[in-house]
Amino acid sequence: MRIDYVPSNSMTVQGKFDDVCKRYGKEWNIKEEGGGNGNWLLTKKSDVLVNGKSYRSFVLSHYGKSKLTEKLVDKFREDVEKGEIEIE
């Protein structure tokens, strides 16, 4: 079983909102940056992938946390290896 931590990411792009949404809208959160000059801030939350499937919500709710960190994913990985958490 493969458990990977994917860090959060952000970047700035220029263009029309519709074009930016078409290109990045499914994976990124888009916010206006720069007071309407066509600049957009794109952000993506960190994630934990188990065999390529996102377990972000499961890990956060299991540990009662609101922020997913690499340290929390390490703890999750250890708990899975010890058999304390069972994953399908």
PDB file of N, CA and C in Angstrom:
ATOM      1  N   MET A   1       0.852  -1.180   0.000  1.00  0.00           N
ATOM      2  CA  MET A   1       0.000   0.000   0.000  1.00  0.00           C
ATOM      3  C   MET A   1       0.891   1.234   0.000  1.00  0.00           C
ATOM      4  N   ARG A   2       0.562   2.151  -0.856  1.00  0.00           N
ATOM      5  CA  ARG A   2       1.359   3.361  -0.995  1.00  0.00           C
ATOM      6  C   ARG A   2       0.597   4.551  -0.416  1.00  0.00           C
ATOM      7  N   ILE A   3       1.224   5.256   0.525  1.00  0.00           N
ATOM      8  CA  ILE A   3       0.628   6.448   1.139  1.00  0.00           C
ATOM      9  C   ILE A   3       1.551   7.624   0.861  1.00  0.00           C
ATOM     10  N   ASP A   4       1.045   8.623   0.120  1.00  0.00           N
ATOM     11  CA  ASP A   4       1.849   9.778  -0.273  1.00  0.00           C
ATOM     12  C   ASP A   4       1.240  11.069   0.249  1.00  0.00           C
ATOM     13  N   TYR A   5       2.104  11.967   0.701  1.00  0.00           N
ATOM     14  CA  TYR A   5       1.695  13.312   1.088  1.00  0.00           C
ATOM     15  C   TYR A   5       1.916  14.234  -0.102  1.00  0.00           C
ATOM     16  N   VAL A   6       0.900  15.022  -0.448  1.00  0.00           N
ATOM     17  CA  VAL A   6       0.994  16.005  -1.526  1.00  0.00           C
ATOM     18  C   VAL A   6       0.897  17.383  -0.878  1.00  0.00           C
ATOM     19  N   PRO A   7       1.992  18.159  -0.892  1.00  0.00           N
ATOM     20  CA  PRO A   7       1.953  19.473  -0.230  1.00  0.00           C
ATOM     21  C   PRO A   7       1.026  20.454  -0.937  1.00  0.00           C
ATOM     22  N   SER A   8       0.602  21.466  -0.187  1.00  0.00           N
ATOM     23  CA  SER A   8      -0.232  22.515  -0.781  1.00  0.00           C
ATOM     24  C   SER A   8       0.610  23.282  -1.799  1.00  0.00           C
ATOM     25  N   ASN A   9      -0.080  24.001  -2.675  1.00  0.00           N
ATOM     26  CA  ASN A   9       0.617  24.700  -3.741  1.00  0.00           C
ATOM     27  C   ASN A   9      -0.152  25.970  -4.080  1.00  0.00           C
ATOM     28  N   SER A  10       0.553  26.975  -4.560  1.00  0.00           N
ATOM     29  CA  SER A  10      -0.114  28.188  -5.037  1.00  0.00           C
ATOM     30  C   SER A  10       0.702  28.803  -6.164  1.00  0.00           C
ATOM     31  N   MET A  11      -0.009  29.518  -7.036  1.00  0.00           N
ATOM     32  CA  MET A  11       0.661  30.219  -8.127  1.00  0.00           C
ATOM     33  C   MET A  11      -0.247  31.346  -8.611  1.00  0.00           C
ATOM     34  N   THR A  12       0.350  32.290  -9.316  1.00  0.00           N
ATOM     35  CA  THR A  12      -0.389  33.416  -9.870  1.00  0.00           C
ATOM     36  C   THR A  12      -0.399  33.285 -11.389  1.00  0.00           C
ATOM     37  N   VAL A  13      -1.561  33.522 -11.994  1.00  0.00           N
ATOM     38  CA  VAL A  13      -1.676  33.493 -13.453  1.00  0.00           C
ATOM     39  C   VAL A  13      -2.411  34.738 -13.925  1.00  0.00           C
ATOM     40  N   GLN A  14      -2.234  35.066 -15.194  1.00  0.00           N
ATOM     41  CA  GLN A  14      -2.924  36.193 -15.806  1.00  0.00           C
ATOM     42  C   GLN A  14      -3.874  35.685 -16.866  1.00  0.00           C
ATOM     43  N   GLY A  15      -4.962  36.410 -17.050  1.00  0.00           N
ATOM     44  CA  GLY A  15      -5.897  36.054 -18.111  1.00  0.00           C
ATOM     45  C   GLY A  15      -7.314  36.383 -17.725  1.00  0.00           C
ATOM     46  N   LYS A  16      -8.216  36.056 -18.618  1.00  0.00           N
ATOM     47  CA  LYS A  16      -9.634  36.262 -18.355  1.00  0.00           C
ATOM     48  C   LYS A  16     -10.128  35.164 -17.419  1.00  0.00           C
ATOM     49  N   PHE A  17     -11.078  35.528 -16.580  1.00  0.00           N
ATOM     50  CA  PHE A  17     -11.585  34.590 -15.575  1.00  0.00           C
ATOM     51  C   PHE A  17     -12.103  33.298 -16.214  1.00  0.00           C
ATOM     52  N   ASP A  18     -12.855  33.415 -17.287  1.00  0.00           N
ATOM     53  CA  ASP A  18     -13.407  32.222 -17.945  1.00  0.00           C
ATOM     54  C   ASP A  18     -12.313  31.290 -18.431  1.00  0.00           C
ATOM     55  N   ASP A  19     -11.261  31.864 -19.016  1.00  0.00           N
ATOM     56  CA  ASP A  19     -10.150  31.045 -19.517  1.00  0.00           C
ATOM     57  C   ASP A  19      -9.414  30.359 -18.376  1.00  0.00           C
ATOM     58  N   VAL A  20      -9.199  31.095 -17.279  1.00  0.00           N
ATOM     59  CA  VAL A  20      -8.515  30.534 -16.113  1.00  0.00           C
ATOM     60  C   VAL A  20      -9.356  29.408 -15.511  1.00  0.00           C
ATOM     61  N   CYS A  21     -10.666  29.611 -15.427  1.00  0.00           N
ATOM     62  CA  CYS A  21     -11.555  28.571 -14.889  1.00  0.00           C
ATOM     63  C   CYS A  21     -11.540  27.311 -15.742  1.00  0.00           C
ATOM     64  N   LYS A  22     -11.557  27.471 -17.053  1.00  0.00           N
ATOM     65  CA  LYS A  22     -11.527  26.305 -17.939  1.00  0.00           C
ATOM     66  C   LYS A  22     -10.251  25.491 -17.749  1.00  0.00           C
ATOM     67  N   ARG A  23      -9.144  26.196 -17.577  1.00  0.00           N
ATOM     68  CA  ARG A  23      -7.850  25.512 -17.495  1.00  0.00           C
ATOM     69  C   ARG A  23      -7.559  24.941 -16.108  1.00  0.00           C
ATOM     70  N   TYR A  24      -7.929  25.682 -15.047  1.00  0.00           N
ATOM     71  CA  TYR A  24      -7.516  25.299 -13.700  1.00  0.00           C
ATOM     72  C   TYR A  24      -8.667  24.996 -12.735  1.00  0.00           C
ATOM     73  N   GLY A  25      -9.900  25.272 -13.134  1.00  0.00           N
ATOM     74  CA  GLY A  25     -11.030  25.248 -12.221  1.00  0.00           C
ATOM     75  C   GLY A  25     -11.308  23.934 -11.515  1.00  0.00           C
ATOM     76  N   LYS A  26     -10.989  22.796 -12.109  1.00  0.00           N
ATOM     77  CA  LYS A  26     -11.307  21.509 -11.492  1.00  0.00           C
ATOM     78  C   LYS A  26     -10.365  21.157 -10.349  1.00  0.00           C
ATOM     79  N   GLU A  27      -9.119  21.617 -10.436  1.00  0.00           N
ATOM     80  CA  GLU A  27      -8.128  21.226  -9.435  1.00  0.00           C
ATOM     81  C   GLU A  27      -7.719  22.350  -8.493  1.00  0.00           C
ATOM     82  N   TRP A  28      -7.925  23.585  -8.876  1.00  0.00           N
ATOM     83  CA  TRP A  28      -7.427  24.729  -8.117  1.00  0.00           C
ATOM     84  C   TRP A  28      -8.577  25.605  -7.625  1.00  0.00           C
ATOM     85  N   ASN A  29      -8.361  26.275  -6.476  1.00  0.00           N
ATOM     86  CA  ASN A  29      -9.261  27.329  -6.003  1.00  0.00           C
ATOM     87  C   ASN A  29      -8.755  28.630  -6.611  1.00  0.00           C
ATOM     88  N   ILE A  30      -9.656  29.446  -7.146  1.00  0.00           N
ATOM     89  CA  ILE A  30      -9.266  30.652  -7.876  1.00  0.00           C
ATOM     90  C   ILE A  30      -9.802  31.883  -7.156  1.00  0.00           C
ATOM     91  N   LYS A  31      -8.894  32.835  -6.888  1.00  0.00           N
ATOM     92  CA  LYS A  31      -9.269  34.101  -6.263  1.00  0.00           C
ATOM     93  C   LYS A  31      -8.638  35.244  -7.040  1.00  0.00           C
ATOM     94  N   GLU A  32      -9.341  36.365  -7.076  1.00  0.00           N
ATOM     95  CA  GLU A  32      -8.828  37.551  -7.758  1.00  0.00           C
ATOM     96  C   GLU A  32      -7.646  38.122  -6.975  1.00  0.00           C
ATOM     97  N   GLU A  33      -6.651  38.569  -7.707  1.00  0.00           N
ATOM     98  CA  GLU A  33      -5.485  39.177  -7.081  1.00  0.00           C
ATOM     99  C   GLU A  33      -5.122  40.436  -7.863  1.00  0.00           C
ATOM    100  N   GLY A  34      -4.820  41.496  -7.176  1.00  0.00           N
ATOM    101  CA  GLY A  34      -4.353  42.699  -7.855  1.00  0.00           C
ATOM    102  C   GLY A  34      -5.432  43.681  -8.257  1.00  0.00           C
ATOM    103  N   GLY A  35      -6.604  43.614  -7.650  1.00  0.00           N
ATOM    104  CA  GLY A  35      -7.630  44.624  -7.879  1.00  0.00           C
ATOM    105  C   GLY A  35      -8.241  44.623  -9.272  1.00  0.00           C
ATOM    106  N   GLY A  36      -8.442  43.465  -9.858  1.00  0.00           N
ATOM    107  CA  GLY A  36      -9.163  43.384 -11.123  1.00  0.00           C
ATOM    108  C   GLY A  36      -8.324  43.614 -12.361  1.00  0.00           C
ATOM    109  N   ASN A  37      -7.025  43.378 -12.284  1.00  0.00           N
ATOM    110  CA  ASN A  37      -6.156  43.572 -13.445  1.00  0.00           C
ATOM    111  C   ASN A  37      -5.935  42.287 -14.243  1.00  0.00           C
ATOM    112  N   GLY A  38      -6.782  41.296 -14.037  1.00  0.00           N
ATOM    113  CA  GLY A  38      -6.623  40.049 -14.769  1.00  0.00           C
ATOM    114  C   GLY A  38      -5.629  39.094 -14.146  1.00  0.00           C
ATOM    115  N   ASN A  39      -5.271  39.340 -12.884  1.00  0.00           N
ATOM    116  CA  ASN A  39      -4.369  38.450 -12.162  1.00  0.00           C
ATOM    117  C   ASN A  39      -5.181  37.581 -11.221  1.00  0.00           C
ATOM    118  N   TRP A  40      -4.836  36.306 -11.165  1.00  0.00           N
ATOM    119  CA  TRP A  40      -5.588  35.346 -10.359  1.00  0.00           C
ATOM    120  C   TRP A  40      -4.631  34.530  -9.506  1.00  0.00           C
ATOM    121  N   LEU A  41      -5.004  34.348  -8.235  1.00  0.00           N
ATOM    122  CA  LEU A  41      -4.232  33.510  -7.325  1.00  0.00           C
ATOM    123  C   LEU A  41      -4.880  32.134  -7.298  1.00  0.00           C
ATOM    124  N   LEU A  42      -4.101  31.126  -7.632  1.00  0.00           N
ATOM    125  CA  LEU A  42      -4.585  29.754  -7.636  1.00  0.00           C
ATOM    126  C   LEU A  42      -3.956  29.017  -6.465  1.00  0.00           C
ATOM    127  N   THR A  43      -4.786  28.330  -5.698  1.00  0.00           N
ATOM    128  CA  THR A  43      -4.287  27.566  -4.558  1.00  0.00           C
ATOM    129  C   THR A  43      -4.850  26.148  -4.597  1.00  0.00           C
ATOM    130  N   LYS A  44      -4.073  25.243  -4.051  1.00  0.00           N
ATOM    131  CA  LYS A  44      -4.480  23.843  -3.980  1.00  0.00           C
ATOM    132  C   LYS A  44      -4.108  23.347  -2.581  1.00  0.00           C
ATOM    133  N   LYS A  45      -5.066  22.722  -1.882  1.00  0.00           N
ATOM    134  CA  LYS A  45      -4.822  22.225  -0.528  1.00  0.00           C
ATOM    135  C   LYS A  45      -3.936  20.985  -0.557  1.00  0.00           C
ATOM    136  N   SER A  46      -3.255  20.749   0.554  1.00  0.00           N
ATOM    137  CA  SER A  46      -2.460  19.536   0.672  1.00  0.00           C
ATOM    138  C   SER A  46      -3.391  18.329   0.678  1.00  0.00           C
ATOM    139  N   ASP A  47      -2.827  17.168   0.390  1.00  0.00           N
ATOM    140  CA  ASP A  47      -3.646  15.965   0.294  1.00  0.00           C
ATOM    141  C   ASP A  47      -2.824  14.760   0.729  1.00  0.00           C
ATOM    142  N   VAL A  48      -3.522  13.690   1.068  1.00  0.00           N
ATOM    143  CA  VAL A  48      -2.883  12.407   1.338  1.00  0.00           C
ATOM    144  C   VAL A  48      -3.521  11.394   0.391  1.00  0.00           C
ATOM    145  N   LEU A  49      -2.682  10.732  -0.374  1.00  0.00           N
ATOM    146  CA  LEU A  49      -3.157   9.770  -1.358  1.00  0.00           C
ATOM    147  C   LEU A  49      -2.790   8.361  -0.918  1.00  0.00           C
ATOM    148  N   VAL A  50      -3.785   7.491  -0.886  1.00  0.00           N
ATOM    149  CA  VAL A  50      -3.567   6.075  -0.588  1.00  0.00           C
ATOM    150  C   VAL A  50      -3.850   5.319  -1.874  1.00  0.00           C
ATOM    151  N   ASN A  51      -2.792   4.787  -2.463  1.00  0.00           N
ATOM    152  CA  ASN A  51      -2.886   4.120  -3.761  1.00  0.00           C
ATOM    153  C   ASN A  51      -3.573   5.009  -4.800  1.00  0.00           C
ATOM    154  N   GLY A  52      -3.264   6.312  -4.759  1.00  0.00           N
ATOM    155  CA  GLY A  52      -3.789   7.259  -5.733  1.00  0.00           C
ATOM    156  C   GLY A  52      -5.145   7.850  -5.401  1.00  0.00           C
ATOM    157  N   LYS A  53      -5.776   7.414  -4.313  1.00  0.00           N
ATOM    158  CA  LYS A  53      -7.097   7.916  -3.928  1.00  0.00           C
ATOM    159  C   LYS A  53      -6.962   8.865  -2.733  1.00  0.00           C
ATOM    160  N   SER A  54      -7.661   9.995  -2.779  1.00  0.00           N
ATOM    161  CA  SER A  54      -7.576  10.990  -1.715  1.00  0.00           C
ATOM    162  C   SER A  54      -8.230  10.494  -0.423  1.00  0.00           C
ATOM    163  N   TYR A  55      -7.495  10.614   0.672  1.00  0.00           N
ATOM    164  CA  TYR A  55      -8.000  10.291   1.999  1.00  0.00           C
ATOM    165  C   TYR A  55      -7.931  11.511   2.916  1.00  0.00           C
ATOM    166  N   ARG A  56      -7.883  12.712   2.333  1.00  0.00           N
ATOM    167  CA  ARG A  56      -7.762  13.952   3.109  1.00  0.00           C
ATOM    168  C   ARG A  56      -8.868  14.071   4.165  1.00  0.00           C
ATOM    169  N   SER A  57     -10.110  13.947   3.738  1.00  0.00           N
ATOM    170  CA  SER A  57     -11.241  14.098   4.666  1.00  0.00           C
ATOM    171  C   SER A  57     -11.217  13.038   5.755  1.00  0.00           C
ATOM    172  N   PHE A  58     -10.897  11.800   5.384  1.00  0.00           N
ATOM    173  CA  PHE A  58     -10.847  10.712   6.357  1.00  0.00           C
ATOM    174  C   PHE A  58      -9.797  10.989   7.428  1.00  0.00           C
ATOM    175  N   VAL A  59      -8.588  11.379   7.012  1.00  0.00           N
ATOM    176  CA  VAL A  59      -7.499  11.623   7.963  1.00  0.00           C
ATOM    177  C   VAL A  59      -7.846  12.787   8.890  1.00  0.00           C
ATOM    178  N   LEU A  60      -8.368  13.878   8.333  1.00  0.00           N
ATOM    179  CA  LEU A  60      -8.707  15.043   9.162  1.00  0.00           C
ATOM    180  C   LEU A  60      -9.792  14.700  10.178  1.00  0.00           C
ATOM    181  N   SER A  61     -10.819  13.982   9.760  1.00  0.00           N
ATOM    182  CA  SER A  61     -11.896  13.644  10.692  1.00  0.00           C
ATOM    183  C   SER A  61     -11.437  12.591  11.708  1.00  0.00           C
ATOM    184  N   HIS A  62     -10.618  11.636  11.284  1.00  0.00           N
ATOM    185  CA  HIS A  62     -10.139  10.588  12.188  1.00  0.00           C
ATOM    186  C   HIS A  62      -9.329  11.179  13.344  1.00  0.00           C
ATOM    187  N   TYR A  63      -8.479  12.161  13.041  1.00  0.00           N
ATOM    188  CA  TYR A  63      -7.628  12.768  14.064  1.00  0.00           C
ATOM    189  C   TYR A  63      -8.214  14.051  14.649  1.00  0.00           C
ATOM    190  N   GLY A  64      -9.376  14.488  14.155  1.00  0.00           N
ATOM    191  CA  GLY A  64     -10.016  15.688  14.678  1.00  0.00           C
ATOM    192  C   GLY A  64      -9.239  16.955  14.381  1.00  0.00           C
ATOM    193  N   LYS A  65      -8.620  17.013  13.222  1.00  0.00           N
ATOM    194  CA  LYS A  65      -7.802  18.171  12.834  1.00  0.00           C
ATOM    195  C   LYS A  65      -8.469  18.929  11.693  1.00  0.00           C
ATOM    196  N   SER A  66      -8.047  20.178  11.495  1.00  0.00           N
ATOM    197  CA  SER A  66      -8.580  20.970  10.392  1.00  0.00           C
ATOM    198  C   SER A  66      -7.517  21.248   9.334  1.00  0.00           C
ATOM    199  N   LYS A  67      -6.250  20.963   9.656  1.00  0.00           N
ATOM    200  CA  LYS A  67      -5.155  21.229   8.729  1.00  0.00           C
ATOM    201  C   LYS A  67      -4.356  19.948   8.509  1.00  0.00           C
ATOM    202  N   LEU A  68      -4.149  19.602   7.248  1.00  0.00           N
ATOM    203  CA  LEU A  68      -3.400  18.401   6.911  1.00  0.00           C
ATOM    204  C   LEU A  68      -1.930  18.769   6.740  1.00  0.00           C
ATOM    205  N   THR A  69      -1.076  18.192   7.577  1.00  0.00           N
ATOM    206  CA  THR A  69       0.358  18.458   7.522  1.00  0.00           C
ATOM    207  C   THR A  69       1.108  17.167   7.212  1.00  0.00           C
ATOM    208  N   GLU A  70       2.355  17.313   6.840  1.00  0.00           N
ATOM    209  CA  GLU A  70       3.184  16.148   6.557  1.00  0.00           C
ATOM    210  C   GLU A  70       3.365  15.295   7.813  1.00  0.00           C
ATOM    211  N   LYS A  71       3.478  15.942   8.958  1.00  0.00           N
ATOM    212  CA  LYS A  71       3.622  15.227  10.226  1.00  0.00           C
ATOM    213  C   LYS A  71       2.373  14.381  10.525  1.00  0.00           C
ATOM    214  N   LEU A  72       1.191  14.931  10.242  1.00  0.00           N
ATOM    215  CA  LEU A  72      -0.050  14.187  10.459  1.00  0.00           C
ATOM    216  C   LEU A  72      -0.128  12.991   9.507  1.00  0.00           C
ATOM    217  N   VAL A  73       0.312  13.166   8.272  1.00  0.00           N
ATOM    218  CA  VAL A  73       0.324  12.054   7.318  1.00  0.00           C
ATOM    219  C   VAL A  73       1.309  10.978   7.768  1.00  0.00           C
ATOM    220  N   ASP A  74       2.444  11.385   8.337  1.00  0.00           N
ATOM    221  CA  ASP A  74       3.401  10.410   8.877  1.00  0.00           C
ATOM    222  C   ASP A  74       2.760   9.587   9.994  1.00  0.00           C
ATOM    223  N   LYS A  75       2.004  10.255  10.873  1.00  0.00           N
ATOM    224  CA  LYS A  75       1.309   9.543  11.953  1.00  0.00           C
ATOM    225  C   LYS A  75       0.273   8.577  11.376  1.00  0.00           C
ATOM    226  N   PHE A  76      -0.471   9.024  10.378  1.00  0.00           N
ATOM    227  CA  PHE A  76      -1.448   8.179   9.707  1.00  0.00           C
ATOM    228  C   PHE A  76      -0.764   6.949   9.103  1.00  0.00           C
ATOM    229  N   ARG A  77       0.362   7.165   8.433  1.00  0.00           N
ATOM    230  CA  ARG A  77       1.113   6.069   7.818  1.00  0.00           C
ATOM    231  C   ARG A  77       1.556   5.059   8.880  1.00  0.00           C
ATOM    232  N   GLU A  78       2.063   5.557  10.011  1.00  0.00           N
ATOM    233  CA  GLU A  78       2.490   4.677  11.114  1.00  0.00           C
ATOM    234  C   GLU A  78       1.314   3.885  11.672  1.00  0.00           C
ATOM    235  N   ASP A  79       0.176   4.547  11.861  1.00  0.00           N
ATOM    236  CA  ASP A  79      -1.002   3.866  12.406  1.00  0.00           C
ATOM    237  C   ASP A  79      -1.517   2.789  11.460  1.00  0.00           C
ATOM    238  N   VAL A  80      -1.425   3.032  10.160  1.00  0.00           N
ATOM    239  CA  VAL A  80      -1.841   2.024   9.177  1.00  0.00           C
ATOM    240  C   VAL A  80      -0.874   0.835   9.236  1.00  0.00           C
ATOM    241  N   GLU A  81       0.429   1.117   9.310  1.00  0.00           N
ATOM    242  CA  GLU A  81       1.430   0.051   9.367  1.00  0.00           C
ATOM    243  C   GLU A  81       1.296  -0.796  10.632  1.00  0.00           C
ATOM    244  N   LYS A  82       0.904  -0.165  11.743  1.00  0.00           N
ATOM    245  CA  LYS A  82       0.713  -0.896  13.012  1.00  0.00           C
ATOM    246  C   LYS A  82      -0.588  -1.680  13.033  1.00  0.00           C
ATOM    247  N   GLY A  83      -1.475  -1.384  12.087  1.00  0.00           N
ATOM    248  CA  GLY A  83      -2.769  -2.066  12.036  1.00  0.00           C
ATOM    249  C   GLY A  83      -3.836  -1.383  12.876  1.00  0.00           C
ATOM    250  N   GLU A  84      -3.555  -0.184  13.385  1.00  0.00           N
ATOM    251  CA  GLU A  84      -4.522   0.553  14.201  1.00  0.00           C
ATOM    252  C   GLU A  84      -5.618   1.159  13.330  1.00  0.00           C
ATOM    253  N   ILE A  85      -5.314   1.408  12.055  1.00  0.00           N
ATOM    254  CA  ILE A  85      -6.295   1.923  11.108  1.00  0.00           C
ATOM    255  C   ILE A  85      -6.338   0.937   9.943  1.00  0.00           C
ATOM    256  N   GLU A  86      -7.535   0.523   9.594  1.00  0.00           N
ATOM    257  CA  GLU A  86      -7.695  -0.421   8.492  1.00  0.00           C
ATOM    258  C   GLU A  86      -8.236   0.311   7.268  1.00  0.00           C
ATOM    259  N   ILE A  87      -7.568   0.114   6.148  1.00  0.00           N
ATOM    260  CA  ILE A  87      -7.976   0.761   4.891  1.00  0.00           C
ATOM    261  C   ILE A  87      -8.270  -0.332   3.872  1.00  0.00           C
ATOM    262  N   GLU A  88      -9.319  -0.113   3.108  1.00  0.00           N
ATOM    263  CA  GLU A  88      -9.726  -1.094   2.087  1.00  0.00           C
ATOM    264  C   GLU A  88      -8.805  -1.073   0.907  1.00  0.00           C
TER     265      GLU A  88
END
